Amino acid sequence: QVQLVESGGGLVQPGGSLRLSCAASGSIFSAMGWYRQAPGKQRELVATISRGGSTNYADSVKGRFTISRDNAKNTVYLQMNNLKPEDTAEYYCNVRTIVSNTDYWGKGTQVTVSP
């Protein structure tokens, strides 16, 4: 069974940094990424990365966030620098399996950026 374990969320001041991790197990994954949802807003893509390392970022996080993955560990990371209050959201890990092309979602980890 596919399982996702997210970690790294927390409370930081503006300008601070956090690194999110999502350890996936139970399959081999093509795309891996992070989405976020703030209160009153739709869930939005933050960043994705293919198995080959191709990345895609939301315009709002370009230059501040970096996504990476370790294929041997089936783990995807999101390094978040220069955090802003508007980054406050629940962050969800998303992975897609290669064979069945099925998406799986993590339970979410809260990121709060507050003075």
PDB file of N, CA and C in Angstrom:
ATOM      1  N   GLN A   1       0.838  -1.182   0.000  1.00  0.00           N
ATOM      2  CA  GLN A   1       0.000   0.000   0.000  1.00  0.00           C
ATOM      3  C   GLN A   1       0.876   1.236   0.000  1.00  0.00           C
ATOM      4  N   VAL A   2       0.420   2.243  -0.704  1.00  0.00           N
ATOM      5  CA  VAL A   2       1.141   3.499  -0.746  1.00  0.00           C
ATOM      6  C   VAL A   2       0.888   4.265   0.544  1.00  0.00           C
ATOM      7  N   GLN A   3       1.957   4.716   1.150  1.00  0.00           N
ATOM      8  CA  GLN A   3       1.862   5.518   2.352  1.00  0.00           C
ATOM      9  C   GLN A   3       2.769   6.728   2.221  1.00  0.00           C
ATOM     10  N   LEU A   4       2.303   7.848   2.745  1.00  0.00           N
ATOM     11  CA  LEU A   4       3.059   9.084   2.718  1.00  0.00           C
ATOM     12  C   LEU A   4       3.218   9.598   4.141  1.00  0.00           C
ATOM     13  N   VAL A   5       4.413  10.008   4.465  1.00  0.00           N
ATOM     14  CA  VAL A   5       4.689  10.579   5.772  1.00  0.00           C
ATOM     15  C   VAL A   5       5.309  11.949   5.569  1.00  0.00           C
ATOM     16  N   GLU A   6       4.586  12.974   5.971  1.00  0.00           N
ATOM     17  CA  GLU A   6       5.029  14.347   5.818  1.00  0.00           C
ATOM     18  C   GLU A   6       5.610  14.860   7.125  1.00  0.00           C
ATOM     19  N   SER A   7       6.569  15.745   7.005  1.00  0.00           N
ATOM     20  CA  SER A   7       7.163  16.342   8.186  1.00  0.00           C
ATOM     21  C   SER A   7       7.781  17.684   7.816  1.00  0.00           C
ATOM     22  N   GLY A   8       8.077  18.473   8.822  1.00  0.00           N
ATOM     23  CA  GLY A   8       8.808  19.714   8.629  1.00  0.00           C
ATOM     24  C   GLY A   8       8.014  20.987   8.783  1.00  0.00           C
ATOM     25  N   GLY A   9       6.708  20.890   8.903  1.00  0.00           N
ATOM     26  CA  GLY A   9       5.906  22.080   9.079  1.00  0.00           C
ATOM     27  C   GLY A   9       6.119  22.699  10.449  1.00  0.00           C
ATOM     28  N   GLY A  10       5.651  23.925  10.586  1.00  0.00           N
ATOM     29  CA  GLY A  10       5.798  24.601  11.856  1.00  0.00           C
ATOM     30  C   GLY A  10       5.514  26.075  11.754  1.00  0.00           C
ATOM     31  N   LEU A  11       5.883  26.781  12.800  1.00  0.00           N
ATOM     32  CA  LEU A  11       5.686  28.216  12.902  1.00  0.00           C
ATOM     33  C   LEU A  11       7.018  28.932  12.759  1.00  0.00           C
ATOM     34  N   VAL A  12       7.069  29.882  11.839  1.00  0.00           N
ATOM     35  CA  VAL A  12       8.278  30.676  11.635  1.00  0.00           C
ATOM     36  C   VAL A  12       7.907  32.136  11.444  1.00  0.00           C
ATOM     37  N   GLN A  13       8.882  32.997  11.664  1.00  0.00           N
ATOM     38  CA  GLN A  13       8.698  34.417  11.414  1.00  0.00           C
ATOM     39  C   GLN A  13       8.942  34.731   9.946  1.00  0.00           C
ATOM     40  N   PRO A  14       8.375  35.830   9.451  1.00  0.00           N
ATOM     41  CA  PRO A  14       8.667  36.229   8.076  1.00  0.00           C
ATOM     42  C   PRO A  14      10.168  36.313   7.827  1.00  0.00           C
ATOM     43  N   GLY A  15      10.567  35.806   6.669  1.00  0.00           N
ATOM     44  CA  GLY A  15      11.978  35.756   6.334  1.00  0.00           C
ATOM     45  C   GLY A  15      12.669  34.478   6.749  1.00  0.00           C
ATOM     46  N   GLY A  16      11.992  33.668   7.521  1.00  0.00           N
ATOM     47  CA  GLY A  16      12.561  32.424   7.981  1.00  0.00           C
ATOM     48  C   GLY A  16      12.467  31.319   6.947  1.00  0.00           C
ATOM     49  N   SER A  17      12.941  30.146   7.332  1.00  0.00           N
ATOM     50  CA  SER A  17      12.996  29.007   6.420  1.00  0.00           C
ATOM     51  C   SER A  17      12.452  27.751   7.078  1.00  0.00           C
ATOM     52  N   LEU A  18      11.922  26.884   6.256  1.00  0.00           N
ATOM     53  CA  LEU A  18      11.500  25.558   6.662  1.00  0.00           C
ATOM     54  C   LEU A  18      11.810  24.588   5.534  1.00  0.00           C
ATOM     55  N   ARG A  19      11.993  23.337   5.884  1.00  0.00           N
ATOM     56  CA  ARG A  19      12.133  22.302   4.879  1.00  0.00           C
ATOM     57  C   ARG A  19      11.114  21.207   5.137  1.00  0.00           C
ATOM     58  N   LEU A  20      10.251  20.992   4.169  1.00  0.00           N
ATOM     59  CA  LEU A  20       9.258  19.946   4.248  1.00  0.00           C
ATOM     60  C   LEU A  20       9.799  18.670   3.616  1.00  0.00           C
ATOM     61  N   SER A  21       9.436  17.552   4.194  1.00  0.00           N
ATOM     62  CA  SER A  21       9.807  16.259   3.660  1.00  0.00           C
ATOM     63  C   SER A  21       8.567  15.397   3.512  1.00  0.00           C
ATOM     64  N   CYS A  22       8.561  14.589   2.482  1.00  0.00           N
ATOM     65  CA  CYS A  22       7.494  13.624   2.270  1.00  0.00           C
ATOM     66  C   CYS A  22       8.124  12.312   1.858  1.00  0.00           C
ATOM     67  N   ALA A  23       8.054  11.350   2.735  1.00  0.00           N
ATOM     68  CA  ALA A  23       8.595  10.025   2.469  1.00  0.00           C
ATOM     69  C   ALA A  23       7.472   9.122   1.994  1.00  0.00           C
ATOM     70  N   ALA A  24       7.571   8.682   0.763  1.00  0.00           N
ATOM     71  CA  ALA A  24       6.566   7.812   0.168  1.00  0.00           C
ATOM     72  C   ALA A  24       7.069   6.377   0.142  1.00  0.00           C
ATOM     73  N   SER A  25       6.150   5.455   0.232  1.00  0.00           N
ATOM     74  CA  SER A  25       6.506   4.046   0.186  1.00  0.00           C
ATOM     75  C   SER A  25       5.404   3.253  -0.490  1.00  0.00           C
ATOM     76  N   GLY A  26       5.741   2.068  -0.942  1.00  0.00           N
ATOM     77  CA  GLY A  26       4.755   1.170  -1.510  1.00  0.00           C
ATOM     78  C   GLY A  26       4.673   1.152  -3.022  1.00  0.00           C
ATOM     79  N   SER A  27       5.444   1.987  -3.700  1.00  0.00           N
ATOM     80  CA  SER A  27       5.415   2.029  -5.150  1.00  0.00           C
ATOM     81  C   SER A  27       6.617   2.801  -5.664  1.00  0.00           C
ATOM     82  N   ILE A  28       6.643   2.983  -6.958  1.00  0.00           N
ATOM     83  CA  ILE A  28       7.623   3.846  -7.611  1.00  0.00           C
ATOM     84  C   ILE A  28       6.847   4.988  -8.238  1.00  0.00           C
ATOM     85  N   PHE A  29       7.368   6.184  -8.105  1.00  0.00           N
ATOM     86  CA  PHE A  29       6.584   7.364  -8.402  1.00  0.00           C
ATOM     87  C   PHE A  29       7.168   8.185  -9.546  1.00  0.00           C
ATOM     88  N   SER A  30       6.270   8.655 -10.388  1.00  0.00           N
ATOM     89  CA  SER A  30       6.663   9.537 -11.475  1.00  0.00           C
ATOM     90  C   SER A  30       6.770  10.957 -10.932  1.00  0.00           C
ATOM     91  N   ALA A  31       5.668  11.689 -10.953  1.00  0.00           N
ATOM     92  CA  ALA A  31       5.681  13.035 -10.402  1.00  0.00           C
ATOM     93  C   ALA A  31       5.515  13.008  -8.895  1.00  0.00           C
ATOM     94  N   MET A  32       6.196  13.904  -8.230  1.00  0.00           N
ATOM     95  CA  MET A  32       6.031  14.140  -6.809  1.00  0.00           C
ATOM     96  C   MET A  32       5.966  15.649  -6.626  1.00  0.00           C
ATOM     97  N   GLY A  33       5.206  16.080  -5.645  1.00  0.00           N
ATOM     98  CA  GLY A  33       5.111  17.514  -5.481  1.00  0.00           C
ATOM     99  C   GLY A  33       4.396  17.945  -4.223  1.00  0.00           C
ATOM    100  N   TRP A  34       4.240  19.248  -4.137  1.00  0.00           N
ATOM    101  CA  TRP A  34       3.590  19.872  -3.000  1.00  0.00           C
ATOM    102  C   TRP A  34       2.507  20.819  -3.463  1.00  0.00           C
ATOM    103  N   TYR A  35       1.388  20.766  -2.772  1.00  0.00           N
ATOM    104  CA  TYR A  35       0.286  21.686  -2.950  1.00  0.00           C
ATOM    105  C   TYR A  35      -0.015  22.325  -1.613  1.00  0.00           C
ATOM    106  N   ARG A  36      -0.724  23.431  -1.640  1.00  0.00           N
ATOM    107  CA  ARG A  36      -1.089  24.076  -0.386  1.00  0.00           C
ATOM    108  C   ARG A  36      -2.489  24.649  -0.483  1.00  0.00           C
ATOM    109  N   GLN A  37      -3.106  24.785   0.676  1.00  0.00           N
ATOM    110  CA  GLN A  37      -4.437  25.346   0.746  1.00  0.00           C
ATOM    111  C   GLN A  37      -4.545  26.230   1.976  1.00  0.00           C
ATOM    112  N   ALA A  38      -4.835  27.490   1.739  1.00  0.00           N
ATOM    113  CA  ALA A  38      -5.051  28.443   2.805  1.00  0.00           C
ATOM    114  C   ALA A  38      -6.545  28.578   3.059  1.00  0.00           C
ATOM    115  N   PRO A  39      -6.935  29.013   4.251  1.00  0.00           N
ATOM    116  CA  PRO A  39      -8.356  29.185   4.547  1.00  0.00           C
ATOM    117  C   PRO A  39      -9.040  30.092   3.535  1.00  0.00           C
ATOM    118  N   GLY A  40     -10.162  29.635   3.019  1.00  0.00           N
ATOM    119  CA  GLY A  40     -10.921  30.418   2.060  1.00  0.00           C
ATOM    120  C   GLY A  40     -10.400  30.390   0.644  1.00  0.00           C
ATOM    121  N   LYS A  41      -9.373  29.603   0.388  1.00  0.00           N
ATOM    122  CA  LYS A  41      -8.796  29.530  -0.944  1.00  0.00           C
ATOM    123  C   LYS A  41      -8.796  28.098  -1.459  1.00  0.00           C
ATOM    124  N   GLN A  42      -8.670  27.970  -2.771  1.00  0.00           N
ATOM    125  CA  GLN A  42      -8.557  26.658  -3.386  1.00  0.00           C
ATOM    126  C   GLN A  42      -7.158  26.090  -3.178  1.00  0.00           C
ATOM    127  N   ARG A  43      -7.082  24.776  -3.238  1.00  0.00           N
ATOM    128  CA  ARG A  43      -5.781  24.146  -3.198  1.00  0.00           C
ATOM    129  C   ARG A  43      -5.012  24.507  -4.464  1.00  0.00           C
ATOM    130  N   GLU A  44      -3.765  24.864  -4.297  1.00  0.00           N
ATOM    131  CA  GLU A  44      -2.961  25.291  -5.425  1.00  0.00           C
ATOM    132  C   GLU A  44      -1.634  24.560  -5.467  1.00  0.00           C
ATOM    133  N   LEU A  45      -1.129  24.421  -6.662  1.00  0.00           N
ATOM    134  CA  LEU A  45       0.178  23.815  -6.851  1.00  0.00           C
ATOM    135  C   LEU A  45       1.251  24.741  -6.311  1.00  0.00           C
ATOM    136  N   VAL A  46       2.187  24.169  -5.591  1.00  0.00           N
ATOM    137  CA  VAL A  46       3.358  24.896  -5.142  1.00  0.00           C
ATOM    138  C   VAL A  46       4.554  24.544  -6.017  1.00  0.00           C
ATOM    139  N   ALA A  47       4.848  23.267  -6.106  1.00  0.00           N
ATOM    140  CA  ALA A  47       5.971  22.812  -6.906  1.00  0.00           C
ATOM    141  C   ALA A  47       5.831  21.329  -7.182  1.00  0.00           C
ATOM    142  N   THR A  48       6.298  20.909  -8.341  1.00  0.00           N
ATOM    143  CA  THR A  48       6.337  19.494  -8.685  1.00  0.00           C
ATOM    144  C   THR A  48       7.690  19.160  -9.276  1.00  0.00           C
ATOM    145  N   ILE A  49       8.013  17.887  -9.235  1.00  0.00           N
ATOM    146  CA  ILE A  49       9.269  17.416  -9.807  1.00  0.00           C
ATOM    147  C   ILE A  49       9.051  16.029 -10.390  1.00  0.00           C
ATOM    148  N   SER A  50       9.535  15.823 -11.596  1.00  0.00           N
ATOM    149  CA  SER A  50       9.434  14.524 -12.237  1.00  0.00           C
ATOM    150  C   SER A  50      10.535  13.608 -11.737  1.00  0.00           C
ATOM    151  N   ARG A  51      10.444  12.348 -12.112  1.00  0.00           N
ATOM    152  CA  ARG A  51      11.464  11.394 -11.703  1.00  0.00           C
ATOM    153  C   ARG A  51      12.822  11.771 -12.285  1.00  0.00           C
ATOM    154  N   GLY A  52      12.808  12.388 -13.456  1.00  0.00           N
ATOM    155  CA  GLY A  52      14.039  12.807 -14.081  1.00  0.00           C
ATOM    156  C   GLY A  52      14.568  14.145 -13.611  1.00  0.00           C
ATOM    157  N   GLY A  53      13.821  14.828 -12.749  1.00  0.00           N
ATOM    158  CA  GLY A  53      14.305  16.061 -12.171  1.00  0.00           C
ATOM    159  C   GLY A  53      13.744  17.344 -12.756  1.00  0.00           C
ATOM    160  N   SER A  54      12.815  17.237 -13.684  1.00  0.00           N
ATOM    161  CA  SER A  54      12.189  18.431 -14.230  1.00  0.00           C
ATOM    162  C   SER A  54      11.262  19.046 -13.192  1.00  0.00           C
ATOM    163  N   THR A  55      11.368  20.354 -12.981  1.00  0.00           N
ATOM    164  CA  THR A  55      10.612  21.019 -11.928  1.00  0.00           C
ATOM    165  C   THR A  55       9.639  22.042 -12.480  1.00  0.00           C
ATOM    166  N   ASN A  56       8.640  22.312 -11.687  1.00  0.00           N
ATOM    167  CA  ASN A  56       7.652  23.325 -12.002  1.00  0.00           C
ATOM    168  C   ASN A  56       7.255  24.018 -10.707  1.00  0.00           C
ATOM    169  N   TYR A  57       7.191  25.358 -10.740  1.00  0.00           N
ATOM    170  CA  TYR A  57       6.889  26.133  -9.548  1.00  0.00           C
ATOM    171  C   TYR A  57       5.754  27.110  -9.808  1.00  0.00           C
ATOM    172  N   ALA A  58       4.984  27.353  -8.771  1.00  0.00           N
ATOM    173  CA  ALA A  58       4.053  28.456  -8.815  1.00  0.00           C
ATOM    174  C   ALA A  58       4.830  29.762  -8.869  1.00  0.00           C
ATOM    175  N   ASP A  59       4.291  30.740  -9.586  1.00  0.00           N
ATOM    176  CA  ASP A  59       4.981  32.017  -9.711  1.00  0.00           C
ATOM    177  C   ASP A  59       5.252  32.663  -8.354  1.00  0.00           C
ATOM    178  N   SER A  60       4.358  32.457  -7.415  1.00  0.00           N
ATOM    179  CA  SER A  60       4.473  33.101  -6.124  1.00  0.00           C
ATOM    180  C   SER A  60       5.640  32.592  -5.284  1.00  0.00           C
ATOM    181  N   VAL A  61       6.193  31.436  -5.642  1.00  0.00           N
ATOM    182  CA  VAL A  61       7.274  30.869  -4.838  1.00  0.00           C
ATOM    183  C   VAL A  61       8.591  30.776  -5.594  1.00  0.00           C
ATOM    184  N   LYS A  62       8.598  31.127  -6.860  1.00  0.00           N
ATOM    185  CA  LYS A  62       9.825  31.052  -7.644  1.00  0.00           C
ATOM    186  C   LYS A  62      10.909  31.928  -7.034  1.00  0.00           C
ATOM    187  N   GLY A  63      12.082  31.360  -6.938  1.00  0.00           N
ATOM    188  CA  GLY A  63      13.200  32.070  -6.354  1.00  0.00           C
ATOM    189  C   GLY A  63      13.304  31.935  -4.859  1.00  0.00           C
ATOM    190  N   ARG A  64      12.255  31.428  -4.223  1.00  0.00           N
ATOM    191  CA  ARG A  64      12.263  31.262  -2.773  1.00  0.00           C
ATOM    192  C   ARG A  64      12.211  29.800  -2.354  1.00  0.00           C
ATOM    193  N   PHE A  65      11.469  28.998  -3.102  1.00  0.00           N
ATOM    194  CA  PHE A  65      11.307  27.587  -2.770  1.00  0.00           C
ATOM    195  C   PHE A  65      12.095  26.733  -3.757  1.00  0.00           C
ATOM    196  N   THR A  66      12.575  25.605  -3.276  1.00  0.00           N
ATOM    197  CA  THR A  66      13.277  24.650  -4.119  1.00  0.00           C
ATOM    198  C   THR A  66      12.766  23.250  -3.825  1.00  0.00           C
ATOM    199  N   ILE A  67      12.333  22.561  -4.861  1.00  0.00           N
ATOM    200  CA  ILE A  67      11.873  21.189  -4.701  1.00  0.00           C
ATOM    201  C   ILE A  67      12.970  20.242  -5.167  1.00  0.00           C
ATOM    202  N   SER A  68      13.091  19.129  -4.486  1.00  0.00           N
ATOM    203  CA  SER A  68      14.064  18.117  -4.858  1.00  0.00           C
ATOM    204  C   SER A  68      13.523  16.756  -4.456  1.00  0.00           C
ATOM    205  N   ARG A  69      14.175  15.710  -4.938  1.00  0.00           N
ATOM    206  CA  ARG A  69      13.734  14.367  -4.577  1.00  0.00           C
ATOM    207  C   ARG A  69      14.914  13.413  -4.545  1.00  0.00           C
ATOM    208  N   ASP A  70      14.757  12.397  -3.746  1.00  0.00           N
ATOM    209  CA  ASP A  70      15.718  11.317  -3.641  1.00  0.00           C
ATOM    210  C   ASP A  70      14.984  10.063  -4.085  1.00  0.00           C
ATOM    211  N   ASN A  71      15.259   9.609  -5.290  1.00  0.00           N
ATOM    212  CA  ASN A  71      14.521   8.482  -5.840  1.00  0.00           C
ATOM    213  C   ASN A  71      14.803   7.175  -5.101  1.00  0.00           C
ATOM    214  N   ALA A  72      16.001   7.042  -4.577  1.00  0.00           N
ATOM    215  CA  ALA A  72      16.339   5.845  -3.830  1.00  0.00           C
ATOM    216  C   ALA A  72      15.515   5.722  -2.559  1.00  0.00           C
ATOM    217  N   LYS A  73      15.159   6.869  -1.977  1.00  0.00           N
ATOM    218  CA  LYS A  73      14.376   6.887  -0.751  1.00  0.00           C
ATOM    219  C   LYS A  73      12.904   7.195  -0.991  1.00  0.00           C
ATOM    220  N   ASN A  74      12.541   7.460  -2.242  1.00  0.00           N
ATOM    221  CA  ASN A  74      11.165   7.854  -2.563  1.00  0.00           C
ATOM    222  C   ASN A  74      10.709   9.029  -1.700  1.00  0.00           C
ATOM    223  N   THR A  75      11.576   9.997  -1.569  1.00  0.00           N
ATOM    224  CA  THR A  75      11.300  11.142  -0.725  1.00  0.00           C
ATOM    225  C   THR A  75      11.405  12.429  -1.534  1.00  0.00           C
ATOM    226  N   VAL A  76      10.446  13.310  -1.336  1.00  0.00           N
ATOM    227  CA  VAL A  76      10.461  14.614  -1.969  1.00  0.00           C
ATOM    228  C   VAL A  76      10.579  15.675  -0.887  1.00  0.00           C
ATOM    229  N   TYR A  77      11.332  16.720  -1.190  1.00  0.00           N
ATOM    230  CA  TYR A  77      11.593  17.785  -0.242  1.00  0.00           C
ATOM    231  C   TYR A  77      11.157  19.126  -0.822  1.00  0.00           C
ATOM    232  N   LEU A  78      10.831  20.024   0.056  1.00  0.00           N
ATOM    233  CA  LEU A  78      10.551  21.394  -0.338  1.00  0.00           C
ATOM    234  C   LEU A  78      11.280  22.322   0.613  1.00  0.00           C
ATOM    235  N   GLN A  79      12.335  22.935   0.113  1.00  0.00           N
ATOM    236  CA  GLN A  79      13.066  23.922   0.887  1.00  0.00           C
ATOM    237  C   GLN A  79      12.407  25.270   0.679  1.00  0.00           C
ATOM    238  N   MET A  80      11.953  25.878   1.749  1.00  0.00           N
ATOM    239  CA  MET A  80      11.237  27.136   1.687  1.00  0.00           C
ATOM    240  C   MET A  80      12.050  28.209   2.395  1.00  0.00           C
ATOM    241  N   ASN A  81      12.492  29.189   1.635  1.00  0.00           N
ATOM    242  CA  ASN A  81      13.274  30.292   2.168  1.00  0.00           C
ATOM    243  C   ASN A  81      12.513  31.600   2.026  1.00  0.00           C
ATOM    244  N   ASN A  82      12.923  32.574   2.819  1.00  0.00           N
ATOM    245  CA  ASN A  82      12.298  33.893   2.790  1.00  0.00           C
ATOM    246  C   ASN A  82      10.779  33.787   2.854  1.00  0.00           C
ATOM    247  N   LEU A  83      10.314  33.064   3.828  1.00  0.00           N
ATOM    248  CA  LEU A  83       8.884  32.829   3.959  1.00  0.00           C
ATOM    249  C   LEU A  83       8.131  34.121   4.252  1.00  0.00           C
ATOM    250  N   LYS A  84       6.940  34.200   3.695  1.00  0.00           N
ATOM    251  CA  LYS A  84       6.076  35.345   3.844  1.00  0.00           C
ATOM    252  C   LYS A  84       4.777  34.925   4.520  1.00  0.00           C
ATOM    253  N   PRO A  85       4.083  35.865   5.159  1.00  0.00           N
ATOM    254  CA  PRO A  85       2.799  35.512   5.778  1.00  0.00           C
ATOM    255  C   PRO A  85       1.824  34.867   4.803  1.00  0.00           C
ATOM    256  N   GLU A  86       1.854  35.267   3.547  1.00  0.00           N
ATOM    257  CA  GLU A  86       0.956  34.690   2.567  1.00  0.00           C
ATOM    258  C   GLU A  86       1.289  33.251   2.203  1.00  0.00           C
ATOM    259  N   ASP A  87       2.415  32.745   2.682  1.00  0.00           N
ATOM    260  CA  ASP A  87       2.740  31.336   2.509  1.00  0.00           C
ATOM    261  C   ASP A  87       2.030  30.450   3.525  1.00  0.00           C
ATOM    262  N   THR A  88       1.402  31.060   4.499  1.00  0.00           N
ATOM    263  CA  THR A  88       0.695  30.301   5.522  1.00  0.00           C
ATOM    264  C   THR A  88      -0.400  29.455   4.893  1.00  0.00           C
ATOM    265  N   ALA A  89      -0.348  28.159   5.126  1.00  0.00           N
ATOM    266  CA  ALA A  89      -1.300  27.232   4.523  1.00  0.00           C
ATOM    267  C   ALA A  89      -1.034  25.836   5.051  1.00  0.00           C
ATOM    268  N   GLU A  90      -1.951  24.957   4.750  1.00  0.00           N
ATOM    269  CA  GLU A  90      -1.719  23.540   4.933  1.00  0.00           C
ATOM    270  C   GLU A  90      -1.041  23.033   3.670  1.00  0.00           C
ATOM    271  N   TYR A  91       0.094  22.389   3.830  1.00  0.00           N
ATOM    272  CA  TYR A  91       0.856  21.894   2.693  1.00  0.00           C
ATOM    273  C   TYR A  91       0.668  20.391   2.566  1.00  0.00           C
ATOM    274  N   TYR A  92       0.342  19.956   1.353  1.00  0.00           N
ATOM    275  CA  TYR A  92       0.034  18.559   1.092  1.00  0.00           C
ATOM    276  C   TYR A  92       1.023  17.968   0.101  1.00  0.00           C
ATOM    277  N   CYS A  93       1.542  16.827   0.437  1.00  0.00           N
ATOM    278  CA  CYS A  93       2.375  16.075  -0.478  1.00  0.00           C
ATOM    279  C   CYS A  93       1.496  15.321  -1.464  1.00  0.00           C
ATOM    280  N   ASN A  94       1.907  15.296  -2.710  1.00  0.00           N
ATOM    281  CA  ASN A  94       1.200  14.554  -3.751  1.00  0.00           C
ATOM    282  C   ASN A  94       2.187  13.731  -4.541  1.00  0.00           C
ATOM    283  N   VAL A  95       1.847  12.468  -4.757  1.00  0.00           N
ATOM    284  CA  VAL A  95       2.694  11.595  -5.563  1.00  0.00           C
ATOM    285  C   VAL A  95       1.832  10.833  -6.549  1.00  0.00           C
ATOM    286  N   ARG A  96       2.447  10.447  -7.666  1.00  0.00           N
ATOM    287  CA  ARG A  96       1.757   9.676  -8.689  1.00  0.00           C
ATOM    288  C   ARG A  96       2.558   8.424  -8.991  1.00  0.00           C
ATOM    289  N   THR A  97       1.889   7.284  -8.963  1.00  0.00           N
ATOM    290  CA  THR A  97       2.568   6.021  -9.221  1.00  0.00           C
ATOM    291  C   THR A  97       2.802   5.837 -10.705  1.00  0.00           C
ATOM    292  N   ILE A  98       3.894   5.171 -11.029  1.00  0.00           N
ATOM    293  CA  ILE A  98       4.256   4.951 -12.422  1.00  0.00           C
ATOM    294  C   ILE A  98       3.355   3.926 -13.092  1.00  0.00           C
ATOM    295  N   VAL A  99       3.165   2.799 -12.442  1.00  0.00           N
ATOM    296  CA  VAL A  99       2.454   1.686 -13.076  1.00  0.00           C
ATOM    297  C   VAL A  99       0.960   1.965 -13.200  1.00  0.00           C
ATOM    298  N   SER A 100       0.320   2.345 -12.128  1.00  0.00           N
ATOM    299  CA  SER A 100      -1.125   2.540 -12.138  1.00  0.00           C
ATOM    300  C   SER A 100      -1.540   3.978 -12.416  1.00  0.00           C
ATOM    301  N   ASN A 101      -0.589   4.890 -12.441  1.00  0.00           N
ATOM    302  CA  ASN A 101      -0.861   6.309 -12.691  1.00  0.00           C
ATOM    303  C   ASN A 101      -1.919   6.847 -11.727  1.00  0.00           C
ATOM    304  N   THR A 102      -1.747   6.516 -10.474  1.00  0.00           N
ATOM    305  CA  THR A 102      -2.690   6.890  -9.433  1.00  0.00           C
ATOM    306  C   THR A 102      -2.075   7.929  -8.514  1.00  0.00           C
ATOM    307  N   ASP A 103      -2.850   8.950  -8.191  1.00  0.00           N
ATOM    308  CA  ASP A 103      -2.401   9.997  -7.276  1.00  0.00           C
ATOM    309  C   ASP A 103      -2.703   9.641  -5.836  1.00  0.00           C
ATOM    310  N   TYR A 104      -1.781   9.994  -4.963  1.00  0.00           N
ATOM    311  CA  TYR A 104      -1.956   9.831  -3.530  1.00  0.00           C
ATOM    312  C   TYR A 104      -1.617  11.139  -2.843  1.00  0.00           C
ATOM    313  N   TRP A 105      -2.353  11.407  -1.777  1.00  0.00           N
ATOM    314  CA  TRP A 105      -2.196  12.651  -1.042  1.00  0.00           C
ATOM    315  C   TRP A 105      -1.814  12.397   0.397  1.00  0.00           C
ATOM    316  N   GLY A 106      -0.915  13.212   0.895  1.00  0.00           N
ATOM    317  CA  GLY A 106      -0.597  13.176   2.301  1.00  0.00           C
ATOM    318  C   GLY A 106      -1.686  13.827   3.129  1.00  0.00           C
ATOM    319  N   LYS A 107      -1.575  13.682   4.431  1.00  0.00           N
ATOM    320  CA  LYS A 107      -2.563  14.261   5.336  1.00  0.00           C
ATOM    321  C   LYS A 107      -2.405  15.763   5.493  1.00  0.00           C
ATOM    322  N   GLY A 108      -1.250  16.272   5.163  1.00  0.00           N
ATOM    323  CA  GLY A 108      -0.992  17.695   5.249  1.00  0.00           C
ATOM    324  C   GLY A 108      -0.154  18.058   6.457  1.00  0.00           C
ATOM    325  N   THR A 109       0.624  19.097   6.301  1.00  0.00           N
ATOM    326  CA  THR A 109       1.407  19.638   7.398  1.00  0.00           C
ATOM    327  C   THR A 109       1.261  21.159   7.382  1.00  0.00           C
ATOM    328  N   GLN A 110       1.023  21.725   8.542  1.00  0.00           N
ATOM    329  CA  GLN A 110       0.728  23.149   8.641  1.00  0.00           C
ATOM    330  C   GLN A 110       1.998  23.978   8.631  1.00  0.00           C
ATOM    331  N   VAL A 111       1.991  25.005   7.806  1.00  0.00           N
ATOM    332  CA  VAL A 111       3.051  26.006   7.788  1.00  0.00           C
ATOM    333  C   VAL A 111       2.430  27.346   8.133  1.00  0.00           C
ATOM    334  N   THR A 112       2.918  27.951   9.191  1.00  0.00           N
ATOM    335  CA  THR A 112       2.419  29.246   9.620  1.00  0.00           C
ATOM    336  C   THR A 112       3.559  30.238   9.674  1.00  0.00           C
ATOM    337  N   VAL A 113       3.395  31.343   8.973  1.00  0.00           N
ATOM    338  CA  VAL A 113       4.394  32.401   8.936  1.00  0.00           C
ATOM    339  C   VAL A 113       3.771  33.631   9.571  1.00  0.00           C
ATOM    340  N   SER A 114       4.256  33.992  10.720  1.00  0.00           N
ATOM    341  CA  SER A 114       3.629  35.057  11.491  1.00  0.00           C
ATOM    342  C   SER A 114       4.674  35.857  12.247  1.00  0.00           C
ATOM    343  N   PRO A 115       4.478  37.183  12.311  1.00  0.00           N
ATOM    344  CA  PRO A 115       5.374  38.015  13.119  1.00  0.00           C
ATOM    345  C   PRO A 115       5.305  37.674  14.590  1.00  0.00           C
TER     346      PRO A 115
END
